[in-house]
Amino acid sequence: MLLWEIIDNAAESVADREALVDGDRRWTFSELAELVRDLADTLSGFIEPGDRVAIVSENSAEYVAALYGVPRAGGVLVHGNTRHTTDELASMVARSGSSVLLASGDQLARLETTSLPSVGHRLELRSTAARAAPVVAGTQLRDTRAVHAGSDPGPGPERSLRVPSPRSPTGGDGLAWLMYTSGTTGAPKGVMLTHRSLISAALNTTMCRPIAPDEVYLFPFPLFHVAAYNVVHLHLRNRPVVLLPRFEPGEVLRLIGHERITSVSLAPTMLAMLLDHPDRDGFELSTLRSVSYGAAPMPLELLRRSLEVWPEVGLAQGYGMTELSGNAVFLSPDDHRRAASTDPDLLTAAGRPAPMTSLRIVDEAGIELPRGHSGEITISGDQVCAGYFDDPEATDDGIRDGWLHTGDLGRVDAQGYLHVVDRLKDIIITGGENVSSRELEDVLGTHPDVRAVSVIGTPDERWGELVTAVVVPEEPQSPPTLEELRATCSQLAGFKHPRRVVLVEELPTNASGKVDKVALRSLV
């Protein structure tokens, strides 16, 4: 099965059922299918099969259409993080070799002066009213190459609204999305997600997190995160998705009542903001049945507080990552209820593997360890990514004999539940965003008052982890301030900047002379 066939099939079976809500704009599955076909048809005039199409846009119905429409046109959708700087986005476009840039008006203006050598077309993704006539008005693409020379070329070439034949010569194993994630070497790596891997992740989630006949799902994450697979998950079951342009706790609480939301996915920091909202109890939340959480470590006290405040709302955890096309391990609402009543240790578990997922705990030599022993978490199944784009060395290191080496340390207990113990990869997860310690260390090390620096994540109830710079100053009497260090990181996205600085006389090292970050965490 291919991604866009999910929408085509729904348009055949439940044509008039609501599929998507974006503010005051609404689409049925039939209308969404036309939106997807229109985007694919327009794009087919600009790309060849296998071409990469970068997208930099806020959440919108047009972005959802691109999730399906770019692969339908034979392209690979490259997701750009709108929180990144223009330099970071330009690097992503260059590394992916994207020949087309899709961007909302605001993002296009931000990128207007940025050098994007591989891009032949910059196309504006326009938001218009739903059910507009003609259908092409739903997703107009304007070639802006001539705009920079002072003239507007107007809409792109006029083409048939129907794609004669979707272009995916490689079938389910063909690339659909390319998502860049922070790497341990500092350079982001492009994770190659296929039609098969994304649909397998959605099917696994469906089996572990059942969708009710009246399900209405609120999606609060940016669509450029792998959490976007949840949109595929709901559409696979012919159920609607309600979009948010950006996460705002009061708006989430309002929409739950206004749209009769039954389920929502949250990162721990989002859950904390909902619980802390001063008017929380004044909102109509009676339709809410399920809150799924993940994307970052969940503080135990926050979890217990949620169970106390919303005892009727089922909690469900998902453990996954971009390389898994979504979640692969699940802790069910029943597990949470058992944890709250008779088995509190279950609250520290990530859950059990999904039916189409195999999980092993291995030692440094890759040998499987018995239950109860800690080692690296490895996962096998159709939802594992196809590797890293244009990086065979990283692919061979990360996926061995069909097993994804997650870089997380864990153990499986006697009941088959996975417990994540630590992170082997040098990655910090703050507010659901991945930060490469190495990338930040390289930048902070350029500050003249820094002799040595190591970056770690330290626990935080709201953000999961705080980006913490542990610094050995050149002169103990005049150490760099947090403000000075943050200014040094101006070329990086704001969420990567240190939020805390700890000054030390020296950094602890292990026998090989490398900084011992386990020891470092115990010091700060």
Protein backbone atom coordinates (compact mmCIF):
# COMPACT_ATOMS: atom_id res chain seq x y z
CA MET A 1 0.00 0.00 0.00
CA LEU A 2 1.13 3.55 -0.75
CA LEU A 3 0.48 6.60 1.40
CA TRP A 4 -1.92 8.42 -0.90
CA GLU A 5 -3.99 5.25 -1.37
CA ILE A 6 -5.13 5.70 2.24
CA ILE A 7 -6.90 8.90 1.22
CA ASP A 8 -8.12 7.53 -2.11
CA ASN A 9 -9.62 4.48 -0.39
CA ALA A 10 -11.33 6.62 2.25
CA ALA A 11 -12.71 8.88 -0.47
CA GLU A 12 -14.31 5.79 -2.02
CA SER A 13 -15.73 4.29 1.18
CA VAL A 14 -16.55 7.30 3.40
CA ALA A 15 -16.49 10.19 0.92
CA ASP A 16 -18.61 12.60 2.97
CA ARG A 17 -17.05 11.86 6.35
CA GLU A 18 -14.97 14.66 7.83
CA ALA A 19 -11.23 14.08 7.41
CA LEU A 20 -9.48 17.29 8.43
CA VAL A 21 -10.15 20.46 10.42
CA ASP A 22 -7.80 23.45 10.17
CA GLY A 23 -9.21 26.40 12.09
CA ASP A 24 -12.51 27.32 10.43
CA ARG A 25 -11.66 25.27 7.31
CA ARG A 26 -12.98 21.71 7.02
CA TRP A 27 -12.50 18.91 4.50
CA THR A 28 -14.29 15.63 3.89
CA PHE A 29 -12.24 12.65 2.69
CA SER A 30 -13.49 13.28 -0.84
CA GLU A 31 -12.35 16.90 -0.68
CA LEU A 32 -9.01 15.99 0.90
CA ALA A 33 -8.41 13.44 -1.87
CA GLU A 34 -8.95 16.21 -4.45
CA LEU A 35 -6.57 18.48 -2.55
CA VAL A 36 -3.91 15.74 -2.60
CA ARG A 37 -4.44 14.99 -6.29
CA ASP A 38 -4.27 18.68 -7.17
CA LEU A 39 -0.99 19.17 -5.31
CA ALA A 40 0.51 16.05 -6.89
CA ASP A 41 -0.58 17.11 -10.37
CA THR A 42 0.86 20.60 -10.00
CA LEU A 43 4.14 19.28 -8.61
CA SER A 44 4.51 16.76 -11.42
CA GLY A 45 5.30 19.71 -13.68
CA PHE A 46 8.36 20.53 -11.59
CA ILE A 47 9.88 17.20 -10.49
CA GLU A 48 10.95 13.80 -11.72
CA PRO A 49 10.41 10.55 -9.77
CA GLY A 50 12.81 10.42 -6.80
CA ASP A 51 13.36 14.18 -6.61
CA ARG A 52 13.39 15.68 -3.13
CA VAL A 53 10.85 18.39 -2.30
CA ALA A 54 11.62 20.40 0.85
CA ILE A 55 8.76 21.90 2.84
CA VAL A 56 9.07 24.71 5.38
CA SER A 57 5.65 25.62 6.68
CA GLU A 58 3.51 25.96 9.75
CA ASN A 59 0.80 23.36 10.27
CA SER A 60 -1.96 23.64 7.68
CA ALA A 61 -4.28 21.53 5.57
CA GLU A 62 -1.92 22.18 2.65
CA TYR A 63 0.94 20.63 4.64
CA VAL A 64 -1.22 17.55 5.26
CA ALA A 65 -1.92 17.40 1.52
CA ALA A 66 1.86 17.46 0.95
CA LEU A 67 2.32 14.43 3.25
CA TYR A 68 0.43 12.41 0.66
CA GLY A 69 0.69 14.54 -2.49
CA VAL A 70 4.47 14.84 -2.80
CA PRO A 71 4.94 11.02 -2.74
CA ARG A 72 2.00 10.70 -5.14
CA ALA A 73 3.87 12.92 -7.60
CA GLY A 74 6.90 10.63 -7.26
CA GLY A 75 8.82 12.96 -4.94
CA VAL A 76 10.28 12.59 -1.46
CA LEU A 77 8.99 15.12 1.09
CA VAL A 78 11.87 16.67 3.08
CA HIS A 79 10.54 18.16 6.33
CA GLY A 80 12.08 21.45 7.48
CA ASN A 81 11.89 22.55 11.11
CA THR A 82 10.42 26.08 11.19
CA ARG A 83 12.24 26.71 14.48
CA HIS A 84 15.60 26.32 12.76
CA THR A 85 17.57 29.32 11.57
CA THR A 86 17.78 30.11 7.86
CA ASP A 87 21.37 28.77 7.85
CA GLU A 88 20.23 25.46 9.33
CA LEU A 89 17.38 25.20 6.84
CA ALA A 90 19.69 26.02 3.92
CA SER A 91 22.04 23.26 5.10
CA MET A 92 19.15 20.78 5.21
CA VAL A 93 18.02 21.70 1.69
CA ALA A 94 21.58 21.40 0.37
CA ARG A 95 22.27 18.09 2.12
CA SER A 96 19.05 16.58 0.79
CA GLY A 97 19.63 17.90 -2.73
CA SER A 98 16.06 19.22 -2.84
CA SER A 99 15.17 20.60 -6.26
CA VAL A 100 11.93 22.24 -5.11
CA LEU A 101 11.10 24.26 -2.00
CA LEU A 102 7.49 24.39 -0.79
CA ALA A 103 6.96 27.11 1.80
CA SER A 104 4.21 29.14 3.39
CA GLY A 105 4.31 32.85 2.62
CA ASP A 106 5.92 33.78 5.93
CA GLN A 107 8.58 31.12 5.67
CA LEU A 108 9.27 31.92 2.03
CA ALA A 109 9.87 35.55 2.96
CA ARG A 110 12.26 34.45 5.71
CA LEU A 111 14.20 32.27 3.26
CA GLU A 112 14.08 34.76 0.38
CA THR A 113 17.69 35.89 0.63
CA THR A 114 19.06 32.47 1.56
CA SER A 115 21.30 30.74 -0.93
CA LEU A 116 19.76 27.39 -1.92
CA PRO A 117 21.96 26.18 -4.81
CA SER A 118 20.10 22.91 -5.49
CA VAL A 119 16.62 24.47 -5.57
CA GLY A 120 15.32 25.22 -9.04
CA HIS A 121 11.83 26.25 -7.89
CA ARG A 122 10.60 28.05 -4.79
CA LEU A 123 6.86 27.45 -4.59
CA GLU A 124 4.50 29.26 -2.26
CA LEU A 125 2.01 27.05 -0.45
CA ARG A 126 -1.10 29.21 -0.24
CA SER A 127 -3.88 28.69 2.29
CA THR A 128 -7.36 29.32 0.90
CA ALA A 129 -10.90 28.57 1.93
CA ALA A 130 -12.02 24.95 2.00
CA ARG A 131 -14.39 23.74 -0.72
CA ALA A 132 -13.22 26.60 -2.95
CA ALA A 133 -14.09 26.46 -6.63
CA PRO A 134 -12.21 25.52 -8.67
CA VAL A 135 -10.46 22.87 -6.60
CA VAL A 136 -7.03 24.16 -7.66
CA ALA A 137 -7.62 27.16 -5.39
CA GLY A 138 -7.22 24.84 -2.43
CA THR A 139 -3.49 24.43 -2.99
CA GLN A 140 -2.09 27.05 -5.29
CA LEU A 141 1.61 26.86 -5.98
CA ARG A 142 3.28 29.98 -7.28
CA ASP A 143 6.72 29.75 -8.87
CA THR A 144 8.58 32.60 -7.18
CA ARG A 145 11.83 32.47 -9.14
CA ALA A 146 10.95 35.69 -10.98
CA VAL A 147 9.52 37.40 -7.90
CA HIS A 148 13.04 38.19 -6.71
CA ALA A 149 13.68 39.98 -10.01
CA GLY A 150 10.69 42.21 -9.40
CA SER A 151 7.95 40.50 -11.42
CA ASP A 152 5.31 37.98 -10.44
CA PRO A 153 5.00 35.09 -12.88
CA GLY A 154 1.58 34.24 -11.47
CA PRO A 155 0.35 30.68 -10.94
CA GLY A 156 2.42 27.77 -12.17
CA PRO A 157 1.65 25.93 -15.40
CA GLU A 158 -2.00 24.98 -15.80
CA ARG A 159 -2.45 21.21 -15.80
CA SER A 160 -5.18 18.63 -15.51
CA LEU A 161 -6.59 18.33 -11.98
CA ARG A 162 -6.20 14.54 -12.18
CA VAL A 163 -2.89 12.72 -12.12
CA PRO A 164 -3.06 10.17 -14.95
CA SER A 165 -0.91 7.70 -13.05
CA PRO A 166 0.77 8.23 -9.65
CA ARG A 167 4.52 7.93 -10.02
CA SER A 168 6.10 5.52 -7.54
CA PRO A 169 8.19 3.04 -9.52
CA THR A 170 9.63 1.40 -6.40
CA GLY A 171 6.30 0.70 -4.67
CA GLY A 172 6.06 0.38 -0.90
CA ASP A 173 9.84 0.36 -0.44
CA GLY A 174 10.15 3.71 -2.19
CA LEU A 175 11.04 6.76 -0.11
CA ALA A 176 8.11 8.91 1.00
CA TRP A 177 9.52 11.28 3.63
CA LEU A 178 13.00 12.43 4.62
CA MET A 179 13.35 13.76 8.18
CA TYR A 180 16.53 15.24 9.60
CA THR A 181 17.37 14.41 13.19
CA SER A 182 20.24 15.42 15.44
CA GLY A 183 23.23 13.09 15.22
CA THR A 184 25.92 12.19 17.72
CA THR A 185 28.55 13.65 15.38
CA GLY A 186 26.79 17.02 15.43
CA ALA A 187 25.66 16.93 11.80
CA PRO A 188 21.92 16.19 11.35
CA LYS A 189 21.19 12.90 9.60
CA GLY A 190 18.43 12.43 7.05
CA VAL A 191 16.24 9.51 8.08
CA MET A 192 14.71 7.77 5.06
CA LEU A 193 11.08 6.77 5.71
CA THR A 194 9.31 4.60 3.15
CA HIS A 195 5.63 4.03 2.39
CA ARG A 196 6.01 0.60 4.01
CA SER A 197 7.71 1.86 7.18
CA LEU A 198 5.16 4.64 7.79
CA ILE A 199 2.12 2.46 7.16
CA SER A 200 3.60 -0.33 9.30
CA ALA A 201 4.08 2.14 12.16
CA ALA A 202 0.47 3.27 11.76
CA LEU A 203 -0.79 -0.33 11.74
CA ASN A 204 1.22 -1.20 14.86
CA THR A 205 -0.23 1.86 16.60
CA THR A 206 -3.75 0.90 15.54
CA MET A 207 -3.35 -2.53 17.14
CA CYS A 208 -1.96 -1.11 20.39
CA ARG A 209 -4.04 2.05 20.56
CA PRO A 210 -7.46 1.18 19.12
CA ILE A 211 -9.48 3.85 17.30
CA ALA A 212 -13.15 4.15 18.30
CA PRO A 213 -15.91 4.58 15.66
CA ASP A 214 -16.47 8.16 16.91
CA GLU A 215 -12.79 9.07 17.38
CA VAL A 216 -11.82 12.73 16.84
CA TYR A 217 -8.08 13.31 17.21
CA LEU A 218 -6.31 16.57 18.06
CA PHE A 219 -2.79 16.88 16.62
CA PRO A 220 -0.78 19.49 18.57
CA PHE A 221 2.74 18.76 17.26
CA PRO A 222 4.47 20.37 14.29
CA LEU A 223 3.92 18.30 11.14
CA PHE A 224 7.66 18.34 10.49
CA HIS A 225 8.13 15.87 13.37
CA VAL A 226 7.76 12.11 12.98
CA ALA A 227 4.65 12.51 15.15
CA ALA A 228 2.97 13.33 11.82
CA TYR A 229 2.62 9.58 11.35
CA ASN A 230 -0.35 9.91 13.72
CA VAL A 231 -2.19 11.74 10.94
CA VAL A 232 -1.64 8.69 8.73
CA HIS A 233 -2.77 6.47 11.63
CA LEU A 234 -6.12 8.27 11.99
CA HIS A 235 -6.75 8.55 8.26
CA LEU A 236 -6.00 4.84 7.87
CA ARG A 237 -9.00 4.26 10.13
CA ASN A 238 -11.14 6.85 8.30
CA ARG A 239 -11.25 9.21 11.27
CA PRO A 240 -10.75 13.02 11.37
CA VAL A 241 -7.71 14.98 12.49
CA VAL A 242 -7.97 18.47 14.02
CA LEU A 243 -4.87 20.59 13.43
CA LEU A 244 -3.34 23.30 15.58
CA PRO A 245 -1.15 25.96 13.94
CA ARG A 246 1.04 25.79 17.03
CA PHE A 247 0.70 24.41 20.56
CA GLU A 248 -1.04 26.80 22.94
CA PRO A 249 -2.49 25.20 26.11
CA GLY A 250 -5.60 27.38 26.33
CA GLU A 251 -6.44 26.69 22.68
CA VAL A 252 -5.98 22.94 23.19
CA LEU A 253 -8.38 22.99 26.13
CA ARG A 254 -10.89 25.10 24.16
CA LEU A 255 -10.75 22.85 21.09
CA ILE A 256 -11.37 19.70 23.12
CA GLY A 257 -14.84 21.02 23.89
CA HIS A 258 -15.50 22.85 20.62
CA GLU A 259 -14.56 19.92 18.35
CA ARG A 260 -15.61 17.17 20.79
CA ILE A 261 -12.07 15.79 20.84
CA THR A 262 -11.76 12.21 22.12
CA SER A 263 -7.97 11.74 21.93
CA VAL A 264 -4.81 13.84 21.87
CA SER A 265 -1.08 13.15 21.81
CA LEU A 266 1.25 15.22 24.01
CA ALA A 267 4.88 15.63 24.93
CA PRO A 268 5.50 15.83 28.71
CA THR A 269 6.06 19.59 28.55
CA MET A 270 2.67 20.00 26.83
CA LEU A 271 0.92 17.88 29.45
CA ALA A 272 2.47 19.99 32.22
CA MET A 273 1.23 23.20 30.56
CA LEU A 274 -2.33 21.84 30.34
CA LEU A 275 -2.32 20.79 33.98
CA ASP A 276 -0.88 24.18 35.03
CA HIS A 277 -3.36 26.28 33.03
CA PRO A 278 -5.16 28.61 35.48
CA ASP A 279 -8.57 28.06 33.83
CA ARG A 280 -8.14 24.32 33.29
CA ASP A 281 -11.24 23.33 35.25
CA GLY A 282 -13.42 25.86 33.42
CA PHE A 283 -13.18 24.09 30.04
CA GLU A 284 -15.57 21.44 28.76
CA LEU A 285 -13.47 18.25 28.60
CA SER A 286 -16.14 15.57 28.95
CA THR A 287 -15.51 14.03 25.50
CA LEU A 288 -11.78 13.44 26.15
CA ARG A 289 -11.08 9.74 26.66
CA SER A 290 -7.39 9.29 25.90
CA VAL A 291 -4.11 11.19 26.28
CA SER A 292 -1.10 9.61 24.61
CA TYR A 293 2.32 10.84 25.64
CA GLY A 294 5.88 10.34 24.52
CA ALA A 295 8.64 12.18 22.62
CA ALA A 296 10.68 12.77 25.80
CA PRO A 297 11.27 11.38 29.30
CA MET A 298 8.16 11.67 31.48
CA PRO A 299 8.78 12.82 35.08
CA LEU A 300 7.07 10.37 37.40
CA GLU A 301 5.45 13.09 39.51
CA LEU A 302 3.89 14.67 36.40
CA LEU A 303 2.45 11.31 35.42
CA ARG A 304 0.95 10.76 38.87
CA ARG A 305 -0.49 14.26 38.87
CA SER A 306 -2.22 13.64 35.54
CA LEU A 307 -3.78 10.44 36.88
CA GLU A 308 -5.09 12.39 39.88
CA VAL A 309 -6.45 15.39 37.95
CA TRP A 310 -8.05 13.39 35.10
CA PRO A 311 -8.81 9.92 36.56
CA GLU A 312 -11.38 9.18 33.82
CA VAL A 313 -8.93 9.87 30.98
CA GLY A 314 -6.92 6.85 29.86
CA LEU A 315 -3.18 7.43 29.57
CA ALA A 316 -1.14 5.67 26.90
CA GLN A 317 2.61 5.89 26.38
CA GLY A 318 4.50 5.36 23.13
CA TYR A 319 8.23 4.75 22.79
CA GLY A 320 9.68 5.38 19.38
CA MET A 321 11.88 7.65 17.28
CA THR A 322 12.23 9.03 13.79
CA GLU A 323 14.16 5.93 12.69
CA LEU A 324 11.13 3.81 13.65
CA SER A 325 8.68 5.94 11.62
CA GLY A 326 6.79 6.50 14.89
CA ASN A 327 6.17 4.46 18.02
CA ALA A 328 6.99 0.77 18.37
CA VAL A 329 6.51 0.08 22.11
CA PHE A 330 3.29 0.90 23.99
CA LEU A 331 2.07 1.16 27.58
CA SER A 332 -1.71 0.87 27.46
CA PRO A 333 -4.42 2.64 29.51
CA ASP A 334 -5.05 -0.67 31.31
CA ASP A 335 -1.37 -0.79 32.24
CA HIS A 336 -1.64 2.73 33.68
CA ARG A 337 -4.72 1.82 35.69
CA ARG A 338 -2.94 -1.24 37.08
CA ALA A 339 0.07 0.91 37.91
CA ALA A 340 -2.13 3.39 39.75
CA SER A 341 -3.81 0.68 41.83
CA THR A 342 -1.56 -2.34 42.42
CA ASP A 343 1.73 -2.10 40.47
CA PRO A 344 3.35 1.37 40.73
CA ASP A 345 6.61 0.11 39.15
CA LEU A 346 4.74 -0.09 35.83
CA LEU A 347 4.74 3.72 35.65
CA THR A 348 8.48 3.57 34.95
CA ALA A 349 8.01 1.20 32.00
CA ALA A 350 7.86 2.23 28.34
CA GLY A 351 5.55 -0.67 27.53
CA ARG A 352 5.53 -3.83 25.43
CA PRO A 353 6.55 -4.15 21.77
CA ALA A 354 3.80 -3.85 19.16
CA PRO A 355 2.67 -7.08 17.43
CA MET A 356 4.69 -6.46 14.26
CA THR A 357 7.82 -5.45 16.20
CA SER A 358 10.67 -7.56 17.53
CA LEU A 359 12.79 -6.20 20.38
CA ARG A 360 16.10 -7.43 21.76
CA ILE A 361 18.45 -6.17 24.45
CA VAL A 362 22.06 -6.70 23.37
CA ASP A 363 25.54 -6.19 24.78
CA GLU A 364 28.37 -4.26 23.10
CA ALA A 365 29.13 -7.25 20.87
CA GLY A 366 25.50 -7.45 19.70
CA ILE A 367 24.77 -10.62 21.70
CA GLU A 368 21.24 -10.84 23.07
CA LEU A 369 21.02 -10.59 26.86
CA PRO A 370 18.61 -12.44 29.17
CA ARG A 371 15.59 -10.67 30.64
CA GLY A 372 16.46 -8.37 33.49
CA HIS A 373 19.90 -7.46 32.10
CA SER A 374 20.58 -3.95 30.81
CA GLY A 375 21.96 -3.35 27.33
CA GLU A 376 21.22 -1.49 24.11
CA ILE A 377 17.63 -1.59 22.84
CA THR A 378 17.46 -2.95 19.29
CA ILE A 379 14.30 -3.21 17.20
CA SER A 380 13.41 -5.04 14.00
CA GLY A 381 10.31 -4.84 11.80
CA ASP A 382 8.85 -3.23 8.71
CA GLN A 383 8.60 0.14 10.43
CA VAL A 384 12.39 0.49 10.69
CA CYS A 385 13.64 3.23 8.35
CA ALA A 386 15.59 2.49 5.15
CA GLY A 387 18.71 4.13 6.62
CA TYR A 388 20.30 7.57 6.46
CA PHE A 389 20.26 9.59 3.27
CA ASP A 390 23.59 9.70 1.45
CA ASP A 391 25.35 8.28 4.54
CA PRO A 392 26.10 4.57 4.08
CA GLU A 393 28.51 4.53 7.04
CA ALA A 394 25.87 5.79 9.47
CA THR A 395 23.34 3.37 7.95
CA ASP A 396 25.65 0.38 8.39
CA ASP A 397 26.40 1.44 11.97
CA GLY A 398 22.77 2.11 12.93
CA ILE A 399 21.03 -0.84 11.22
CA ARG A 400 22.80 -4.19 11.46
CA ASP A 401 21.31 -7.37 10.05
CA GLY A 402 17.90 -5.72 9.98
CA TRP A 403 18.07 -4.53 13.60
CA LEU A 404 17.95 -0.82 14.44
CA HIS A 405 20.39 0.04 17.22
CA THR A 406 18.46 2.75 19.04
CA GLY A 407 21.29 4.14 21.14
CA ASP A 408 19.08 3.75 24.22
CA LEU A 409 19.99 1.58 27.19
CA GLY A 410 17.18 -0.58 28.56
CA ARG A 411 16.05 -3.85 30.10
CA VAL A 412 13.01 -6.10 29.75
CA ASP A 413 11.41 -7.28 32.98
CA ALA A 414 9.87 -10.70 33.70
CA GLN A 415 6.47 -9.57 32.37
CA GLY A 416 7.92 -8.44 29.05
CA TYR A 417 7.82 -4.70 29.71
CA LEU A 418 10.64 -2.52 28.40
CA HIS A 419 12.26 -0.10 30.84
CA VAL A 420 14.46 2.62 29.30
CA VAL A 421 17.41 3.09 31.65
CA ASP A 422 19.62 5.69 29.95
CA ARG A 423 20.63 7.13 26.61
CA LEU A 424 23.76 5.84 24.93
CA LYS A 425 23.53 8.42 22.16
CA ASP A 426 24.74 11.86 23.11
CA ILE A 427 21.34 13.45 22.47
CA ILE A 428 19.29 15.71 24.74
CA ILE A 429 15.50 15.74 24.42
CA THR A 430 14.04 19.05 25.59
CA GLY A 431 10.39 19.88 25.04
CA GLY A 432 10.17 17.07 22.48
CA GLU A 433 13.07 18.46 20.38
CA ASN A 434 16.36 16.59 19.90
CA VAL A 435 19.58 18.50 20.58
CA SER A 436 23.00 17.16 19.63
CA SER A 437 25.46 17.70 22.49
CA ARG A 438 28.36 17.54 20.02
CA GLU A 439 26.93 20.28 17.78
CA LEU A 440 26.49 22.62 20.73
CA GLU A 441 29.89 21.79 22.24
CA ASP A 442 31.60 22.66 18.95
CA VAL A 443 29.93 26.09 18.95
CA LEU A 444 30.41 26.89 22.65
CA GLY A 445 34.05 25.87 22.41
CA THR A 446 34.70 28.88 20.17
CA HIS A 447 33.97 31.33 23.02
CA PRO A 448 37.30 32.87 24.12
CA ASP A 449 36.51 32.45 27.81
CA VAL A 450 35.79 28.70 27.51
CA ARG A 451 38.73 26.35 28.06
CA ALA A 452 36.62 23.18 27.88
CA VAL A 453 32.91 22.43 27.71
CA SER A 454 30.60 19.44 27.83
CA VAL A 455 26.85 19.61 27.21
CA ILE A 456 24.37 17.31 28.95
CA GLY A 457 20.66 17.16 29.67
CA THR A 458 19.59 17.66 33.27
CA PRO A 459 16.12 16.63 34.54
CA ASP A 460 13.37 19.24 34.42
CA GLU A 461 9.72 18.69 35.33
CA ARG A 462 8.37 20.90 32.54
CA TRP A 463 10.82 20.41 29.65
CA GLY A 464 11.92 16.84 30.37
CA GLU A 465 15.54 17.89 30.15
CA LEU A 466 17.32 21.24 30.24
CA VAL A 467 20.25 21.88 27.91
CA THR A 468 23.07 22.34 30.41
CA ALA A 469 26.58 23.52 29.54
CA VAL A 470 29.28 22.37 31.97
CA VAL A 471 32.17 24.80 31.46
CA VAL A 472 35.79 24.98 32.51
CA PRO A 473 36.55 28.73 32.18
CA GLU A 474 39.86 30.08 30.90
CA GLU A 475 39.99 32.41 33.91
CA PRO A 476 38.05 31.28 37.00
CA GLN A 477 37.81 34.92 38.09
CA SER A 478 35.97 35.95 34.90
CA PRO A 479 33.87 33.04 33.62
CA PRO A 480 31.48 33.45 30.67
CA THR A 481 27.87 34.22 31.53
CA LEU A 482 24.85 32.30 30.32
CA GLU A 483 23.84 35.29 28.17
CA GLU A 484 27.28 35.39 26.53
CA LEU A 485 27.20 31.67 25.78
CA ARG A 486 23.69 31.89 24.31
CA ALA A 487 24.82 34.77 22.07
CA THR A 488 27.61 32.54 20.76
CA CYS A 489 24.91 30.12 19.54
CA SER A 490 23.04 32.68 17.42
CA GLN A 491 23.42 30.54 14.28
CA LEU A 492 21.54 27.67 15.97
CA ALA A 493 17.82 27.32 16.68
CA GLY A 494 16.79 28.79 20.02
CA PHE A 495 15.77 25.45 21.56
CA LYS A 496 19.41 24.30 21.18
CA HIS A 497 20.80 27.15 23.28
CA PRO A 498 21.94 26.31 26.84
CA ARG A 499 19.40 27.08 29.53
CA ARG A 500 21.80 26.48 32.40
CA VAL A 501 25.57 26.84 32.93
CA VAL A 502 27.57 24.95 35.55
CA LEU A 503 31.18 25.99 36.18
CA VAL A 504 33.74 23.34 37.15
CA GLU A 505 37.51 23.20 37.57
CA GLU A 506 37.84 20.18 35.28
CA LEU A 507 35.69 17.71 33.37
CA PRO A 508 35.71 14.08 34.58
CA THR A 509 37.17 11.64 32.05
CA ASN A 510 37.16 7.87 31.62
CA ALA A 511 40.08 5.54 31.00
CA SER A 512 40.23 6.47 27.32
CA GLY A 513 40.41 10.17 28.10
CA LYS A 514 36.88 10.97 26.94
CA VAL A 515 34.54 13.06 29.05
CA ASP A 516 32.60 10.74 31.35
CA LYS A 517 29.07 12.10 31.03
CA VAL A 518 27.60 9.62 33.49
CA ALA A 519 29.97 10.97 36.14
CA LEU A 520 29.30 14.50 34.96
CA ARG A 521 25.55 14.14 35.48
CA SER A 522 26.14 12.98 39.04
CA LEU A 523 28.15 16.15 39.72
CA VAL A 524 25.55 18.63 38.51
